[in-house]
Amino acid sequence: MRRATFGKLALLALGLVLFSFVLMGLSRLVVSADTARLVSAPTMVAGGTLVVVLTVRSVVAVAGIRPLED
């Protein structure tokens, strides 16, 4: 994985998590709190999964197993 791709994916993960909170907050104005959580859950799971994958990838790179490309 290239460093630029890693950075873009990190920004995407941050954006997904922030979008999930905004989506939940705005949907609570229209529907109940439980439904708002169900609506925002897929984006939160996607963002959280991407954060975990990037964390594991960075640990592997720091350990020297598979370094990031320039």
Protein backbone atom coordinates (compact mmCIF):
# COMPACT_ATOMS: atom_id res chain seq x y z
CA MET A 1 0.00 0.00 0.00
CA ARG A 2 1.31 3.43 -0.85
CA ARG A 3 1.59 6.17 1.73
CA ALA A 4 -0.78 8.43 -0.22
CA THR A 5 -3.41 5.69 -0.35
CA PHE A 6 -3.02 5.08 3.36
CA GLY A 7 -3.59 8.77 4.05
CA LYS A 8 -6.66 8.91 1.81
CA LEU A 9 -8.14 5.86 3.51
CA ALA A 10 -7.49 7.41 6.93
CA LEU A 11 -9.35 10.56 5.89
CA LEU A 12 -12.17 8.42 4.51
CA ALA A 13 -12.44 6.56 7.81
CA LEU A 14 -12.60 9.83 9.73
CA GLY A 15 -15.22 11.15 7.32
CA LEU A 16 -17.36 8.02 7.67
CA VAL A 17 -17.32 8.19 11.46
CA LEU A 18 -18.15 11.90 11.50
CA PHE A 19 -20.89 11.41 8.89
CA SER A 20 -22.38 8.66 11.02
CA PHE A 21 -22.71 11.00 14.01
CA VAL A 22 -24.21 13.77 11.87
CA LEU A 23 -26.60 11.32 10.24
CA MET A 24 -27.74 10.00 13.60
CA GLY A 25 -28.24 13.49 14.99
CA LEU A 26 -30.22 14.73 12.02
CA SER A 27 -32.35 11.60 11.76
CA ARG A 28 -33.25 11.87 15.46
CA LEU A 29 -35.11 15.05 14.53
CA VAL A 30 -37.42 13.02 12.28
CA VAL A 31 -37.57 9.48 13.70
CA SER A 32 -37.06 7.83 17.08
CA ALA A 33 -33.63 7.34 18.64
CA ASP A 34 -33.59 3.59 17.98
CA THR A 35 -34.38 4.07 14.31
CA ALA A 36 -31.75 6.80 14.05
CA ARG A 37 -29.14 4.37 15.44
CA LEU A 38 -30.19 1.75 12.89
CA VAL A 39 -29.88 4.26 10.07
CA SER A 40 -26.40 5.42 11.07
CA ALA A 41 -25.02 2.01 12.07
CA PRO A 42 -23.75 0.92 8.61
CA THR A 43 -21.58 4.00 8.17
CA MET A 44 -20.22 3.68 11.72
CA VAL A 45 -19.38 0.00 11.17
CA ALA A 46 -17.68 0.81 7.85
CA GLY A 47 -15.63 3.60 9.42
CA GLY A 48 -14.71 1.52 12.45
CA THR A 49 -13.69 -1.43 10.31
CA LEU A 50 -11.52 0.80 8.16
CA VAL A 51 -9.86 2.23 11.29
CA VAL A 52 -9.09 -1.29 12.55
CA VAL A 53 -7.68 -2.37 9.17
CA LEU A 54 -5.49 0.72 8.93
CA THR A 55 -4.27 0.25 12.49
CA VAL A 56 -3.27 -3.35 11.81
CA ARG A 57 -1.60 -2.30 8.54
CA SER A 58 0.41 0.40 10.30
CA VAL A 59 1.52 -2.01 13.05
CA VAL A 60 2.67 -4.45 10.37
CA ALA A 61 4.60 -1.64 8.65
CA VAL A 62 6.25 -0.46 11.89
CA ALA A 63 7.22 -4.04 12.74
CA GLY A 64 8.98 -4.24 9.39
CA ILE A 65 6.98 -7.21 8.12
CA ARG A 66 5.58 -5.37 5.11
CA PRO A 67 6.64 -1.72 4.82
CA LEU A 68 4.58 0.99 3.17
CA GLU A 69 5.68 1.94 -0.33
CA ASP A 70 6.63 5.51 -1.23
